[in-house]
Amino acid sequence: MYAIAPLANEYQVERLLKLCEKVLEETVRRRWEKPDGEEACKQVYRHLIIADTCNLRGLKKLCVNIAADASSSDRERAMADHPIPADLDIEINKLAVRKHEMIVADVKEALTSGSAIKDFVRKVIPEKPKVPVTHPSFGVPAAGLFGQPSATFGQPSATFGQPSVTFGTPSVTSSESTTKANHMRCLRLANAFLPLNQQLIKDVVSQIRLDRNTAGWEEKWGKQFDILPECVKHDVIGRFTYTCDF
């Protein structure tokens, strides 16, 4: 694909170019989505040059986001081996600063509450009780997710006195806004400071999955979600796969 993509771009073979982009995106995600070393960062910069040269917007966006999570020293070494245009370098640095500012604000919020980071996350997202599965249907227990009563064919279930919405996507009310913002904050904090606490990570990810199904979530928090580390996003939405319609 590394030799084919420039040719597909030169001769404007759009379907082939899109296929090349999907394969390159999958390669980056599978091998270097977590820039935990100099070599990984260099490979991301290598693919960023291809993306910029061939105008592969999806690949470029992916590589910029991964590069912004790398250390400044790794980025400098990658830049030396694979020089990227100045505008891309500025874009990466700006995104890195934005990510840093967000995590600093998250830490301040946790400390202001008088809690350690782990305790703060657990206050926002308590550990889910273990509920036995009696009659699973399509992978969902009959009792409902996390022990909440399930709605059945138009019969609303009561959860803490509030009726649930059976059909359609539930909307985000103003009273829920702060709660969902804190869920996103917990996702960032857990990834940054508690990556080895698998149960906590699992509970936070499960909560974000539920939040993403509410109307208005993408509009309010989609941009914050978009700049999360790629490995964190994939914990929530699953691994990247591509299909070919040739």
C-alpha atoms as a PDB file:
ATOM      1  CA  MET A   1       0.000   0.000   0.000  1.00  0.00           C
ATOM      2  CA  TYR A   2       2.902   2.354   0.602  1.00  0.00           C
ATOM      3  CA  ALA A   3       3.803   2.295  -3.099  1.00  0.00           C
ATOM      4  CA  ILE A   4       0.213   2.055  -4.358  1.00  0.00           C
ATOM      5  CA  ALA A   5      -1.240   5.024  -2.460  1.00  0.00           C
ATOM      6  CA  PRO A   6       0.936   7.681  -4.195  1.00  0.00           C
ATOM      7  CA  LEU A   7       0.146   6.151  -7.605  1.00  0.00           C
ATOM      8  CA  ALA A   8      -3.579   6.011  -6.848  1.00  0.00           C
ATOM      9  CA  ASN A   9      -3.403   9.648  -5.815  1.00  0.00           C
ATOM     10  CA  GLU A  10      -1.399  10.682  -8.888  1.00  0.00           C
ATOM     11  CA  TYR A  11      -3.823   9.009 -11.313  1.00  0.00           C
ATOM     12  CA  GLN A  12      -6.907   9.907  -9.232  1.00  0.00           C
ATOM     13  CA  VAL A  13      -8.155   6.352  -8.757  1.00  0.00           C
ATOM     14  CA  GLU A  14     -10.461   7.271  -5.896  1.00  0.00           C
ATOM     15  CA  ARG A  15     -11.745   3.828  -4.933  1.00  0.00           C
ATOM     16  CA  LEU A  16      -8.233   2.426  -4.785  1.00  0.00           C
ATOM     17  CA  LEU A  17      -7.028   5.440  -2.824  1.00  0.00           C
ATOM     18  CA  LYS A  18      -9.825   4.983  -0.264  1.00  0.00           C
ATOM     19  CA  LEU A  19      -8.926   1.319   0.097  1.00  0.00           C
ATOM     20  CA  CYS A  20      -5.279   2.245   0.650  1.00  0.00           C
ATOM     21  CA  GLU A  21      -6.294   4.732   3.308  1.00  0.00           C
ATOM     22  CA  LYS A  22      -8.412   2.186   5.173  1.00  0.00           C
ATOM     23  CA  VAL A  23      -5.615  -0.377   5.153  1.00  0.00           C
ATOM     24  CA  LEU A  24      -3.071   2.201   6.351  1.00  0.00           C
ATOM     25  CA  GLU A  25      -5.415   3.374   9.096  1.00  0.00           C
ATOM     26  CA  GLU A  26      -5.866  -0.192  10.295  1.00  0.00           C
ATOM     27  CA  THR A  27      -2.106  -0.731  10.250  1.00  0.00           C
ATOM     28  CA  VAL A  28      -1.495   2.358  12.372  1.00  0.00           C
ATOM     29  CA  ARG A  29      -4.262   1.474  14.816  1.00  0.00           C
ATOM     30  CA  ARG A  30      -3.173  -2.119  15.236  1.00  0.00           C
ATOM     31  CA  ARG A  31       0.524  -1.413  15.687  1.00  0.00           C
ATOM     32  CA  TRP A  32       1.084   2.172  16.835  1.00  0.00           C
ATOM     33  CA  GLU A  33      -2.138   3.663  18.211  1.00  0.00           C
ATOM     34  CA  LYS A  34      -0.416   3.904  21.595  1.00  0.00           C
ATOM     35  CA  PRO A  35       2.742   6.001  21.016  1.00  0.00           C
ATOM     36  CA  ASP A  36       4.720   4.543  23.904  1.00  0.00           C
ATOM     37  CA  GLY A  37       8.147   4.889  22.358  1.00  0.00           C
ATOM     38  CA  GLU A  38      10.354   6.634  19.836  1.00  0.00           C
ATOM     39  CA  GLU A  39       9.890   4.009  17.104  1.00  0.00           C
ATOM     40  CA  ALA A  40       6.111   4.128  17.344  1.00  0.00           C
ATOM     41  CA  CYS A  41       6.150   7.893  17.037  1.00  0.00           C
ATOM     42  CA  LYS A  42       8.443   7.710  14.005  1.00  0.00           C
ATOM     43  CA  GLN A  43       6.055   5.315  12.290  1.00  0.00           C
ATOM     44  CA  VAL A  44       3.139   7.643  12.976  1.00  0.00           C
ATOM     45  CA  TYR A  45       5.067  10.538  11.420  1.00  0.00           C
ATOM     46  CA  ARG A  46       5.928   8.359   8.436  1.00  0.00           C
ATOM     47  CA  HIS A  47       2.245   7.673   7.843  1.00  0.00           C
ATOM     48  CA  LEU A  48       1.411  11.313   8.450  1.00  0.00           C
ATOM     49  CA  ILE A  49       3.637  12.291   5.521  1.00  0.00           C
ATOM     50  CA  ILE A  50       1.807   9.800   3.295  1.00  0.00           C
ATOM     51  CA  ALA A  51      -1.536  11.138   4.476  1.00  0.00           C
ATOM     52  CA  ASP A  52      -0.527  14.723   3.786  1.00  0.00           C
ATOM     53  CA  THR A  53       0.973  13.948   0.378  1.00  0.00           C
ATOM     54  CA  CYS A  54      -2.038  11.932  -0.801  1.00  0.00           C
ATOM     55  CA  ASN A  55      -4.655  14.081   0.968  1.00  0.00           C
ATOM     56  CA  LEU A  56      -5.909  11.188   3.103  1.00  0.00           C
ATOM     57  CA  ARG A  57      -7.920  13.122   5.669  1.00  0.00           C
ATOM     58  CA  GLY A  58      -8.931  10.199   7.858  1.00  0.00           C
ATOM     59  CA  LEU A  59      -5.385   8.904   8.127  1.00  0.00           C
ATOM     60  CA  LYS A  60      -4.075  12.409   8.774  1.00  0.00           C
ATOM     61  CA  LYS A  61      -6.564  13.017  11.585  1.00  0.00           C
ATOM     62  CA  LEU A  62      -5.689   9.667  13.150  1.00  0.00           C
ATOM     63  CA  CYS A  63      -1.940  10.295  13.029  1.00  0.00           C
ATOM     64  CA  VAL A  64      -2.235  13.842  14.375  1.00  0.00           C
ATOM     65  CA  ASN A  65      -4.246  12.602  17.358  1.00  0.00           C
ATOM     66  CA  ILE A  66      -1.762   9.816  18.128  1.00  0.00           C
ATOM     67  CA  ALA A  67       1.243  12.113  17.706  1.00  0.00           C
ATOM     68  CA  ALA A  68      -0.260  14.606  20.156  1.00  0.00           C
ATOM     69  CA  ASP A  69      -0.202  11.887  22.837  1.00  0.00           C
ATOM     70  CA  ALA A  70       3.508  11.181  22.309  1.00  0.00           C
ATOM     71  CA  SER A  71       6.191  12.843  24.409  1.00  0.00           C
ATOM     72  CA  SER A  72       7.776  16.021  23.050  1.00  0.00           C
ATOM     73  CA  SER A  73      11.183  14.311  22.873  1.00  0.00           C
ATOM     74  CA  ASP A  74       9.761  11.432  20.800  1.00  0.00           C
ATOM     75  CA  ARG A  75       8.082  13.933  18.484  1.00  0.00           C
ATOM     76  CA  GLU A  76      11.343  15.811  18.010  1.00  0.00           C
ATOM     77  CA  ARG A  77      13.187  12.617  17.063  1.00  0.00           C
ATOM     78  CA  ALA A  78      10.367  11.562  14.741  1.00  0.00           C
ATOM     79  CA  MET A  79      10.446  14.989  13.120  1.00  0.00           C
ATOM     80  CA  ALA A  80      14.169  14.609  12.486  1.00  0.00           C
ATOM     81  CA  ASP A  81      13.659  11.306  10.633  1.00  0.00           C
ATOM     82  CA  HIS A  82      10.346  12.142   8.960  1.00  0.00           C
ATOM     83  CA  PRO A  83      10.014  15.930   8.581  1.00  0.00           C
ATOM     84  CA  ILE A  84       6.377  16.978   8.321  1.00  0.00           C
ATOM     85  CA  PRO A  85       5.091  20.358   7.097  1.00  0.00           C
ATOM     86  CA  ALA A  86       5.185  23.193   9.609  1.00  0.00           C
ATOM     87  CA  ASP A  87       1.405  23.546   9.694  1.00  0.00           C
ATOM     88  CA  LEU A  88       1.020  19.910  10.751  1.00  0.00           C
ATOM     89  CA  ASP A  89       3.685  20.306  13.419  1.00  0.00           C
ATOM     90  CA  ILE A  90       1.816  23.324  14.789  1.00  0.00           C
ATOM     91  CA  GLU A  91      -1.480  21.410  14.709  1.00  0.00           C
ATOM     92  CA  ILE A  92       0.038  18.528  16.691  1.00  0.00           C
ATOM     93  CA  ASN A  93       1.572  20.853  19.276  1.00  0.00           C
ATOM     94  CA  LYS A  94      -1.701  22.755  19.727  1.00  0.00           C
ATOM     95  CA  LEU A  95      -3.622  19.531  20.226  1.00  0.00           C
ATOM     96  CA  ALA A  96      -1.023  18.276  22.711  1.00  0.00           C
ATOM     97  CA  VAL A  97      -1.406  21.494  24.706  1.00  0.00           C
ATOM     98  CA  ARG A  98      -5.195  21.193  24.640  1.00  0.00           C
ATOM     99  CA  LYS A  99      -5.066  17.607  25.914  1.00  0.00           C
ATOM    100  CA  HIS A 100      -2.677  18.663  28.687  1.00  0.00           C
ATOM    101  CA  GLU A 101      -4.931  21.549  29.717  1.00  0.00           C
ATOM    102  CA  MET A 102      -7.945  19.242  29.887  1.00  0.00           C
ATOM    103  CA  ILE A 103      -6.233  16.693  32.122  1.00  0.00           C
ATOM    104  CA  VAL A 104      -4.905  19.461  34.384  1.00  0.00           C
ATOM    105  CA  ALA A 105      -8.465  20.794  34.741  1.00  0.00           C
ATOM    106  CA  ASP A 106      -9.669  17.254  35.498  1.00  0.00           C
ATOM    107  CA  VAL A 107      -7.082  16.815  38.247  1.00  0.00           C
ATOM    108  CA  LYS A 108      -7.972  20.199  39.760  1.00  0.00           C
ATOM    109  CA  GLU A 109     -11.651  19.243  39.803  1.00  0.00           C
ATOM    110  CA  ALA A 110     -10.868  15.960  41.558  1.00  0.00           C
ATOM    111  CA  LEU A 111      -8.596  17.588  44.133  1.00  0.00           C
ATOM    112  CA  THR A 112     -11.066  20.422  44.739  1.00  0.00           C
ATOM    113  CA  SER A 113     -13.630  17.821  45.761  1.00  0.00           C
ATOM    114  CA  GLY A 114     -11.208  16.743  48.498  1.00  0.00           C
ATOM    115  CA  SER A 115     -10.741  13.268  47.043  1.00  0.00           C
ATOM    116  CA  ALA A 116      -7.889  11.307  45.595  1.00  0.00           C
ATOM    117  CA  ILE A 117      -8.317  10.625  41.902  1.00  0.00           C
ATOM    118  CA  LYS A 118      -9.447   7.023  42.390  1.00  0.00           C
ATOM    119  CA  ASP A 119     -11.954   8.051  45.065  1.00  0.00           C
ATOM    120  CA  PHE A 120     -13.272  10.852  42.862  1.00  0.00           C
ATOM    121  CA  VAL A 121     -13.862   8.451  39.978  1.00  0.00           C
ATOM    122  CA  ARG A 122     -15.608   5.971  42.263  1.00  0.00           C
ATOM    123  CA  LYS A 123     -17.872   8.695  43.653  1.00  0.00           C
ATOM    124  CA  VAL A 124     -18.966   9.615  40.144  1.00  0.00           C
ATOM    125  CA  ILE A 125     -19.144   6.055  38.834  1.00  0.00           C
ATOM    126  CA  PRO A 126     -19.773   3.544  41.642  1.00  0.00           C
ATOM    127  CA  GLU A 127     -18.780  -0.072  41.105  1.00  0.00           C
ATOM    128  CA  LYS A 128     -21.575  -1.940  39.394  1.00  0.00           C
ATOM    129  CA  PRO A 129     -23.152  -4.783  41.391  1.00  0.00           C
ATOM    130  CA  LYS A 130     -22.758  -8.308  40.077  1.00  0.00           C
ATOM    131  CA  VAL A 131     -26.161  -9.488  38.859  1.00  0.00           C
ATOM    132  CA  PRO A 132     -26.789 -13.110  37.789  1.00  0.00           C
ATOM    133  CA  VAL A 133     -28.006 -13.577  34.227  1.00  0.00           C
ATOM    134  CA  THR A 134     -31.138 -15.740  34.125  1.00  0.00           C
ATOM    135  CA  HIS A 135     -32.675 -15.303  30.683  1.00  0.00           C
ATOM    136  CA  PRO A 136     -30.182 -13.654  28.334  1.00  0.00           C
ATOM    137  CA  SER A 137     -31.520 -12.268  25.075  1.00  0.00           C
ATOM    138  CA  PHE A 138     -29.055 -11.157  22.418  1.00  0.00           C
ATOM    139  CA  GLY A 139     -26.353 -10.807  25.039  1.00  0.00           C
ATOM    140  CA  VAL A 140     -28.375  -8.576  27.420  1.00  0.00           C
ATOM    141  CA  PRO A 141     -29.603 -10.045  30.738  1.00  0.00           C
ATOM    142  CA  ALA A 142     -33.364 -10.036  31.219  1.00  0.00           C
ATOM    143  CA  ALA A 143     -32.969  -8.072  34.458  1.00  0.00           C
ATOM    144  CA  GLY A 144     -31.415  -5.208  32.517  1.00  0.00           C
ATOM    145  CA  LEU A 145     -27.925  -3.773  32.442  1.00  0.00           C
ATOM    146  CA  PHE A 146     -26.207  -3.437  35.834  1.00  0.00           C
ATOM    147  CA  GLY A 147     -29.244  -4.702  37.736  1.00  0.00           C
ATOM    148  CA  GLN A 148     -31.723  -2.091  36.459  1.00  0.00           C
ATOM    149  CA  PRO A 149     -35.198  -3.364  35.492  1.00  0.00           C
ATOM    150  CA  SER A 150     -35.588  -3.764  31.757  1.00  0.00           C
ATOM    151  CA  ALA A 151     -38.334  -2.271  29.604  1.00  0.00           C
ATOM    152  CA  THR A 152     -40.407  -4.802  27.661  1.00  0.00           C
ATOM    153  CA  PHE A 153     -42.321  -3.898  24.490  1.00  0.00           C
ATOM    154  CA  GLY A 154     -43.631  -0.524  25.503  1.00  0.00           C
ATOM    155  CA  GLN A 155     -43.958  -1.116  29.241  1.00  0.00           C
ATOM    156  CA  PRO A 156     -41.883   1.580  30.975  1.00  0.00           C
ATOM    157  CA  SER A 157     -39.822   0.398  33.916  1.00  0.00           C
ATOM    158  CA  ALA A 158     -39.258   2.479  37.020  1.00  0.00           C
ATOM    159  CA  THR A 159     -35.692   3.194  38.085  1.00  0.00           C
ATOM    160  CA  PHE A 160     -35.297   5.250  41.264  1.00  0.00           C
ATOM    161  CA  GLY A 161     -38.815   6.550  40.703  1.00  0.00           C
ATOM    162  CA  GLN A 162     -38.170   7.819  37.188  1.00  0.00           C
ATOM    163  CA  PRO A 163     -39.858   6.196  34.165  1.00  0.00           C
ATOM    164  CA  SER A 164     -37.521   4.900  31.508  1.00  0.00           C
ATOM    165  CA  VAL A 165     -37.905   5.585  27.814  1.00  0.00           C
ATOM    166  CA  THR A 166     -38.660   2.384  25.961  1.00  0.00           C
ATOM    167  CA  PHE A 167     -38.651   3.498  22.345  1.00  0.00           C
ATOM    168  CA  GLY A 168     -36.480   6.125  20.735  1.00  0.00           C
ATOM    169  CA  THR A 169     -33.282   7.572  22.133  1.00  0.00           C
ATOM    170  CA  PRO A 170     -33.509   9.194  25.578  1.00  0.00           C
ATOM    171  CA  SER A 171     -32.603  12.851  25.595  1.00  0.00           C
ATOM    172  CA  VAL A 172     -30.015  14.620  27.694  1.00  0.00           C
ATOM    173  CA  THR A 173     -31.647  17.004  30.167  1.00  0.00           C
ATOM    174  CA  SER A 174     -29.911  19.994  31.679  1.00  0.00           C
ATOM    175  CA  SER A 175     -29.748  18.194  35.032  1.00  0.00           C
ATOM    176  CA  GLU A 176     -27.802  15.353  33.401  1.00  0.00           C
ATOM    177  CA  SER A 177     -25.257  17.601  31.717  1.00  0.00           C
ATOM    178  CA  THR A 178     -22.892  17.928  34.665  1.00  0.00           C
ATOM    179  CA  THR A 179     -23.098  14.211  35.389  1.00  0.00           C
ATOM    180  CA  LYS A 180     -22.172  13.239  31.843  1.00  0.00           C
ATOM    181  CA  ALA A 181     -19.380  15.810  31.785  1.00  0.00           C
ATOM    182  CA  ASN A 182     -18.010  14.163  34.925  1.00  0.00           C
ATOM    183  CA  HIS A 183     -18.235  10.773  33.244  1.00  0.00           C
ATOM    184  CA  MET A 184     -15.970  12.063  30.477  1.00  0.00           C
ATOM    185  CA  ARG A 185     -13.651  13.528  33.091  1.00  0.00           C
ATOM    186  CA  CYS A 186     -13.461  10.143  34.824  1.00  0.00           C
ATOM    187  CA  LEU A 187     -12.629   8.442  31.544  1.00  0.00           C
ATOM    188  CA  ARG A 188      -9.649  10.754  31.029  1.00  0.00           C
ATOM    189  CA  LEU A 189      -8.479  10.463  34.635  1.00  0.00           C
ATOM    190  CA  ALA A 190      -8.769   6.683  34.733  1.00  0.00           C
ATOM    191  CA  ASN A 191      -6.784   6.350  31.518  1.00  0.00           C
ATOM    192  CA  ALA A 192      -4.086   8.798  32.608  1.00  0.00           C
ATOM    193  CA  PHE A 193      -3.584   7.739  36.222  1.00  0.00           C
ATOM    194  CA  LEU A 194      -5.297   4.370  36.836  1.00  0.00           C
ATOM    195  CA  PRO A 195      -4.701   2.290  33.692  1.00  0.00           C
ATOM    196  CA  LEU A 196      -3.965  -0.884  35.678  1.00  0.00           C
ATOM    197  CA  ASN A 197      -7.230  -0.802  37.616  1.00  0.00           C
ATOM    198  CA  GLN A 198      -9.145  -2.986  35.182  1.00  0.00           C
ATOM    199  CA  GLN A 199     -12.430  -3.086  37.083  1.00  0.00           C
ATOM    200  CA  LEU A 200     -12.565   0.687  37.389  1.00  0.00           C
ATOM    201  CA  ILE A 201     -11.701   1.121  33.698  1.00  0.00           C
ATOM    202  CA  LYS A 202     -14.414  -1.373  32.780  1.00  0.00           C
ATOM    203  CA  ASP A 203     -17.039   0.463  34.830  1.00  0.00           C
ATOM    204  CA  VAL A 204     -16.106   3.855  33.379  1.00  0.00           C
ATOM    205  CA  VAL A 205     -16.138   2.511  29.819  1.00  0.00           C
ATOM    206  CA  SER A 206     -19.521   0.865  30.394  1.00  0.00           C
ATOM    207  CA  GLN A 207     -20.938   4.164  31.621  1.00  0.00           C
ATOM    208  CA  ILE A 208     -19.611   6.068  28.602  1.00  0.00           C
ATOM    209  CA  ARG A 209     -21.177   3.481  26.308  1.00  0.00           C
ATOM    210  CA  LEU A 210     -24.534   4.127  27.948  1.00  0.00           C
ATOM    211  CA  ASP A 211     -24.064   7.895  27.729  1.00  0.00           C
ATOM    212  CA  ARG A 212     -23.279   7.734  24.016  1.00  0.00           C
ATOM    213  CA  ASN A 213     -26.747   6.273  23.376  1.00  0.00           C
ATOM    214  CA  THR A 214     -28.510   9.379  24.686  1.00  0.00           C
ATOM    215  CA  ALA A 215     -29.713  12.063  22.299  1.00  0.00           C
ATOM    216  CA  GLY A 216     -27.495  15.132  22.215  1.00  0.00           C
ATOM    217  CA  TRP A 217     -24.417  13.373  23.578  1.00  0.00           C
ATOM    218  CA  GLU A 218     -22.459  13.642  20.342  1.00  0.00           C
ATOM    219  CA  GLU A 219     -23.212  17.350  20.066  1.00  0.00           C
ATOM    220  CA  LYS A 220     -22.126  18.099  23.628  1.00  0.00           C
ATOM    221  CA  TRP A 221     -19.205  15.726  24.176  1.00  0.00           C
ATOM    222  CA  GLY A 222     -18.331  14.335  20.755  1.00  0.00           C
ATOM    223  CA  LYS A 223     -15.390  16.689  20.267  1.00  0.00           C
ATOM    224  CA  GLN A 224     -13.923  15.778  23.658  1.00  0.00           C
ATOM    225  CA  PHE A 225     -14.340  12.102  22.860  1.00  0.00           C
ATOM    226  CA  ASP A 226     -12.737  12.574  19.444  1.00  0.00           C
ATOM    227  CA  ILE A 227      -9.405  13.717  20.894  1.00  0.00           C
ATOM    228  CA  LEU A 228      -9.106  10.949  23.474  1.00  0.00           C
ATOM    229  CA  PRO A 229      -6.204   8.558  22.952  1.00  0.00           C
ATOM    230  CA  GLU A 230      -7.078   6.102  20.197  1.00  0.00           C
ATOM    231  CA  CYS A 231      -6.717   3.087  22.498  1.00  0.00           C
ATOM    232  CA  VAL A 232      -9.256   4.628  24.906  1.00  0.00           C
ATOM    233  CA  LYS A 233     -11.758   5.320  22.135  1.00  0.00           C
ATOM    234  CA  HIS A 234     -11.465   1.740  20.986  1.00  0.00           C
ATOM    235  CA  ASP A 235     -12.152   0.453  24.479  1.00  0.00           C
ATOM    236  CA  VAL A 236     -15.493   2.237  24.111  1.00  0.00           C
ATOM    237  CA  ILE A 237     -16.422   1.684  20.461  1.00  0.00           C
ATOM    238  CA  GLY A 238     -14.443  -1.438  19.564  1.00  0.00           C
ATOM    239  CA  ARG A 239     -11.602  -2.173  17.200  1.00  0.00           C
ATOM    240  CA  PHE A 240     -11.256  -0.719  13.728  1.00  0.00           C
ATOM    241  CA  THR A 241     -12.182  -2.945  10.797  1.00  0.00           C
ATOM    242  CA  TYR A 242     -12.409  -2.236   7.108  1.00  0.00           C
ATOM    243  CA  THR A 243     -14.388  -3.724   4.278  1.00  0.00           C
ATOM    244  CA  CYS A 244     -13.705  -3.794   0.574  1.00  0.00           C
ATOM    245  CA  ASP A 245     -16.551  -3.536  -1.914  1.00  0.00           C
ATOM    246  CA  PHE A 246     -14.510  -4.417  -5.010  1.00  0.00           C
END
